[in-house]
Amino acid sequence: MRNYEIMFIVRPTLTDEEIKAVGKNFEKVLTDNGANVTNFKELGQRELAYEINDFKTGYYFLINLESSDDKAIKEFDRLALISKDVVRHLITKLED
């Protein structure tokens, strides 16, 4: 099993319910593709280091997961790039 950490930022113009729904949808994408989510944290709204797409703040999520292959990671990456709700995302493979 490989360990990964994903951090993604959701645009702040969404309502609280929509922000939580985006987080849960991406968690479901990972689990549906064979990943085991070990930790899911909503880090809240924070100021960005620099302006991205006219946003000065964003709503942060942090996910730790285990996966035997990279199918879930590739699907998450594909959907995060397409999504208008995700401002930025970063996927990191953790060393054992």
C-alpha atoms as a PDB file:
ATOM      1  CA  MET A   1       0.000   0.000   0.000  1.00  0.00           C
ATOM      2  CA  ARG A   2       1.176   3.478  -0.866  1.00  0.00           C
ATOM      3  CA  ASN A   3       0.373   6.474   1.318  1.00  0.00           C
ATOM      4  CA  TYR A   4      -0.701   9.793  -0.183  1.00  0.00           C
ATOM      5  CA  GLU A   5      -1.624  13.220   1.124  1.00  0.00           C
ATOM      6  CA  ILE A   6      -3.935  15.493  -0.833  1.00  0.00           C
ATOM      7  CA  MET A   7      -4.584  19.126  -0.057  1.00  0.00           C
ATOM      8  CA  PHE A   8      -7.114  21.045  -2.079  1.00  0.00           C
ATOM      9  CA  ILE A   9      -8.611  24.527  -1.903  1.00  0.00           C
ATOM     10  CA  VAL A  10     -12.270  25.213  -2.634  1.00  0.00           C
ATOM     11  CA  ARG A  11     -13.388  28.637  -3.806  1.00  0.00           C
ATOM     12  CA  PRO A  12     -14.785  30.771  -0.964  1.00  0.00           C
ATOM     13  CA  THR A  13     -17.854  32.038  -2.856  1.00  0.00           C
ATOM     14  CA  LEU A  14     -19.754  28.795  -2.171  1.00  0.00           C
ATOM     15  CA  THR A  15     -22.118  28.370   0.777  1.00  0.00           C
ATOM     16  CA  ASP A  16     -21.076  26.217   3.755  1.00  0.00           C
ATOM     17  CA  GLU A  17     -23.279  23.351   2.556  1.00  0.00           C
ATOM     18  CA  GLU A  18     -21.810  23.491  -0.959  1.00  0.00           C
ATOM     19  CA  ILE A  19     -18.247  23.535   0.411  1.00  0.00           C
ATOM     20  CA  LYS A  20     -18.929  20.457   2.554  1.00  0.00           C
ATOM     21  CA  ALA A  21     -20.580  18.738  -0.425  1.00  0.00           C
ATOM     22  CA  VAL A  22     -17.501  19.345  -2.600  1.00  0.00           C
ATOM     23  CA  GLY A  23     -15.288  17.818   0.106  1.00  0.00           C
ATOM     24  CA  LYS A  24     -17.513  14.775   0.528  1.00  0.00           C
ATOM     25  CA  ASN A  25     -17.795  14.279  -3.253  1.00  0.00           C
ATOM     26  CA  PHE A  26     -14.022  14.182  -3.652  1.00  0.00           C
ATOM     27  CA  GLU A  27     -13.704  11.821  -0.684  1.00  0.00           C
ATOM     28  CA  LYS A  28     -16.276   9.561  -2.382  1.00  0.00           C
ATOM     29  CA  VAL A  29     -14.296   9.665  -5.663  1.00  0.00           C
ATOM     30  CA  LEU A  30     -11.267   8.325  -3.798  1.00  0.00           C
ATOM     31  CA  THR A  31     -13.123   5.554  -1.951  1.00  0.00           C
ATOM     32  CA  ASP A  32     -15.075   4.502  -5.061  1.00  0.00           C
ATOM     33  CA  ASN A  33     -11.773   3.986  -6.878  1.00  0.00           C
ATOM     34  CA  GLY A  34     -10.267   1.693  -4.253  1.00  0.00           C
ATOM     35  CA  ALA A  35      -8.490   4.091  -1.892  1.00  0.00           C
ATOM     36  CA  ASN A  36      -8.773   3.854   1.890  1.00  0.00           C
ATOM     37  CA  VAL A  37      -9.170   7.346   3.393  1.00  0.00           C
ATOM     38  CA  THR A  38      -7.353   7.344   6.751  1.00  0.00           C
ATOM     39  CA  ASN A  39      -7.820  11.010   7.626  1.00  0.00           C
ATOM     40  CA  PHE A  40     -10.148  13.711   6.287  1.00  0.00           C
ATOM     41  CA  LYS A  41      -9.824  17.233   7.714  1.00  0.00           C
ATOM     42  CA  GLU A  42     -11.596  20.445   6.909  1.00  0.00           C
ATOM     43  CA  LEU A  43      -8.994  23.085   7.727  1.00  0.00           C
ATOM     44  CA  GLY A  44     -11.350  26.007   7.226  1.00  0.00           C
ATOM     45  CA  GLN A  45     -11.058  29.255   5.339  1.00  0.00           C
ATOM     46  CA  ARG A  46      -7.570  30.751   5.119  1.00  0.00           C
ATOM     47  CA  GLU A  47      -5.867  33.584   3.315  1.00  0.00           C
ATOM     48  CA  LEU A  48      -3.966  32.561   0.190  1.00  0.00           C
ATOM     49  CA  ALA A  49      -0.290  33.452  -0.186  1.00  0.00           C
ATOM     50  CA  TYR A  50      -1.143  35.087  -3.512  1.00  0.00           C
ATOM     51  CA  GLU A  51      -4.335  35.802  -5.419  1.00  0.00           C
ATOM     52  CA  ILE A  52      -5.632  32.894  -7.508  1.00  0.00           C
ATOM     53  CA  ASN A  53      -8.458  33.501 -10.011  1.00  0.00           C
ATOM     54  CA  ASP A  54      -9.370  36.744  -8.181  1.00  0.00           C
ATOM     55  CA  PHE A  55      -9.717  34.885  -4.848  1.00  0.00           C
ATOM     56  CA  LYS A  56      -7.750  36.080  -1.818  1.00  0.00           C
ATOM     57  CA  THR A  57      -9.013  33.316   0.483  1.00  0.00           C
ATOM     58  CA  GLY A  58      -9.957  29.679   0.072  1.00  0.00           C
ATOM     59  CA  TYR A  59     -11.450  26.797   2.015  1.00  0.00           C
ATOM     60  CA  TYR A  60      -8.801  24.131   2.678  1.00  0.00           C
ATOM     61  CA  PHE A  61      -9.208  20.341   2.891  1.00  0.00           C
ATOM     62  CA  LEU A  62      -6.553  17.760   3.791  1.00  0.00           C
ATOM     63  CA  ILE A  63      -6.941  14.053   2.994  1.00  0.00           C
ATOM     64  CA  ASN A  64      -4.568  11.228   3.929  1.00  0.00           C
ATOM     65  CA  LEU A  65      -5.153   7.924   2.174  1.00  0.00           C
ATOM     66  CA  GLU A  66      -3.757   4.517   1.345  1.00  0.00           C
ATOM     67  CA  SER A  67      -4.020   2.961  -2.085  1.00  0.00           C
ATOM     68  CA  SER A  68      -2.570  -0.135  -3.714  1.00  0.00           C
ATOM     69  CA  ASP A  69      -2.508   1.516  -7.157  1.00  0.00           C
ATOM     70  CA  ASP A  70      -2.781   5.038  -8.532  1.00  0.00           C
ATOM     71  CA  LYS A  71      -6.263   4.702 -10.051  1.00  0.00           C
ATOM     72  CA  ALA A  72      -7.940   6.762  -7.297  1.00  0.00           C
ATOM     73  CA  ILE A  73      -5.220   9.425  -7.399  1.00  0.00           C
ATOM     74  CA  LYS A  74      -5.456   9.822 -11.176  1.00  0.00           C
ATOM     75  CA  GLU A  75      -9.249  10.102 -11.033  1.00  0.00           C
ATOM     76  CA  PHE A  76      -9.068  12.695  -8.228  1.00  0.00           C
ATOM     77  CA  ASP A  77      -6.504  14.697 -10.211  1.00  0.00           C
ATOM     78  CA  ARG A  78      -8.622  14.557 -13.369  1.00  0.00           C
ATOM     79  CA  LEU A  79     -11.801  15.697 -11.615  1.00  0.00           C
ATOM     80  CA  ALA A  80     -10.030  18.405  -9.584  1.00  0.00           C
ATOM     81  CA  LEU A  81      -8.611  19.902 -12.776  1.00  0.00           C
ATOM     82  CA  ILE A  82     -12.079  19.934 -14.372  1.00  0.00           C
ATOM     83  CA  SER A  83     -13.959  21.256 -11.318  1.00  0.00           C
ATOM     84  CA  LYS A  84     -14.699  24.972 -11.178  1.00  0.00           C
ATOM     85  CA  ASP A  85     -15.055  24.695  -7.386  1.00  0.00           C
ATOM     86  CA  VAL A  86     -11.444  23.598  -6.773  1.00  0.00           C
ATOM     87  CA  VAL A  87      -9.013  26.500  -6.981  1.00  0.00           C
ATOM     88  CA  ARG A  88      -5.819  24.454  -6.434  1.00  0.00           C
ATOM     89  CA  HIS A  89      -4.849  20.934  -5.387  1.00  0.00           C
ATOM     90  CA  LEU A  90      -1.642  19.152  -4.471  1.00  0.00           C
ATOM     91  CA  ILE A  91      -1.084  15.398  -4.341  1.00  0.00           C
ATOM     92  CA  THR A  92       1.959  14.149  -2.435  1.00  0.00           C
ATOM     93  CA  LYS A  93       3.175  10.557  -2.202  1.00  0.00           C
ATOM     94  CA  LEU A  94       4.430   9.965   1.334  1.00  0.00           C
ATOM     95  CA  GLU A  95       7.574   7.934   1.865  1.00  0.00           C
ATOM     96  CA  ASP A  96       7.274   4.871   4.095  1.00  0.00           C
END
